[in-house]
Amino acid sequence: MIPRDCTLTGLALAALAAVVVVVLPGPAPEAEVPAVPALTDVWPDARITANAVTGAPYTPLAFLDSGISAGVTRANDVVRLVVGDRVLREVPPSGSPRFVLAVSPEALVWLELSDITGTGTLWRAGPRGEDPVPVTADTGRVVLLDSQYDLVVHDGKAGWAAVRGDATEVRTVALSGGPVTRAPLPGEYALTAWPFATAAAVEQAGPSELVDLRDGRVTKVDGQSVELVDCTPSWCRVQVLRQSGTARLDLMRPDGSERRRVGGKGIRPAFGDVVVLDRYAVVVDDDRGVLALYDTATGRMADLAAEFGTVLARGPFVWWSEGGNEALTWRVLDLRTLKASA
């Protein structure tokens, strides 16, 4: 027989254990990451058009509107610069030719360069590529960052940056032709939104700067030793570094104000330019494998595409490729349709 007091003690311990099981808290639930909406969920009026490519491989370099582009085809040992069905230039592939385009209401302007030497000729044509003519061969070794500001058109002139020893020259020429003017800058610079140049040292962490080409005034932009800072006059992109890559992607004004986090370690820029239309940052979310758009005016992020290859932007247009050369499609977003809906 079990003593009565032992039986009571056992029952009390069992009851206490039951109470403990009831009152102990479970593990804290993991915080849910908010889903990123699709572009048309945020901007119902957003207009994306599809431009299918048939025949020779084609890369658009600029869009005149959402349905007409200027770009490069490569086939049969010939490189062609075209606008729609119009051939502007046809050159052999020797020397690795490269075209850099700028679009304005008055003219289509391009640099035709050797990818080996970085030098070449500046051309202009009508706004739809009519009557192309050379403007100057005095280009120097052009600074190229795959930016829409590698070549700019302003006040009836074309402007670009060229390397000269350890310095940079900002070169300008009238679209009608004539002598090339040169404005020297000590160090490594590239053009950004006219009339500004920006520090162009690649992958150099720390502070950056903007130079007003009208009066030479320099604006220093703060940056820590673990930050890569790239600037336009309106916005700066800050990539916060860690040993294995980027820890965070931020945007801020050149004076350091309005700093905000765009995303964590999985977010990276889709191309060199900081923002498009002084408002939108196009980024790749590697964790989810999507192309996305961040709006600095509202702080909203929206997905552009789950399938994408090359991503480019010029003026109000962003475009990306889908598929391979056998069935290539370029999808084009007119950002002006977003501004109207915001």
Foldseek 3Di string as FASTA:
>chain_A
DDDPVVVVVVVVVVVVVVVCVVPDDDDDDDDDDDDAAAPCVQQVLWDKDKDWDDDFDWDFQAALDNHWGWTWGDDPQWIFTDIVPRTQDIDGCPLNWDWHWAADQAWIKIFTARPVQQFGWIWIAGRRNHDIDTADRPPANFDDQQDLQCWYDDPQKIWHWHDDPQWIWIWIAHNVHDDIDTDIDHHAWTDDPPPKIWHDDPPQFFKIWIAHPVPRDIQIAGTDNQWDWDDDQQKIWIFGADPVGGAFIWMAHSNRPPIDTLDGPQKDFLGDDQAAPSFKGWIARNVQQFIWIAGSVPRGIHTHGNAFDRWHDHHQKIWTWGDDPVIIMIMIIRNVSVVVRD
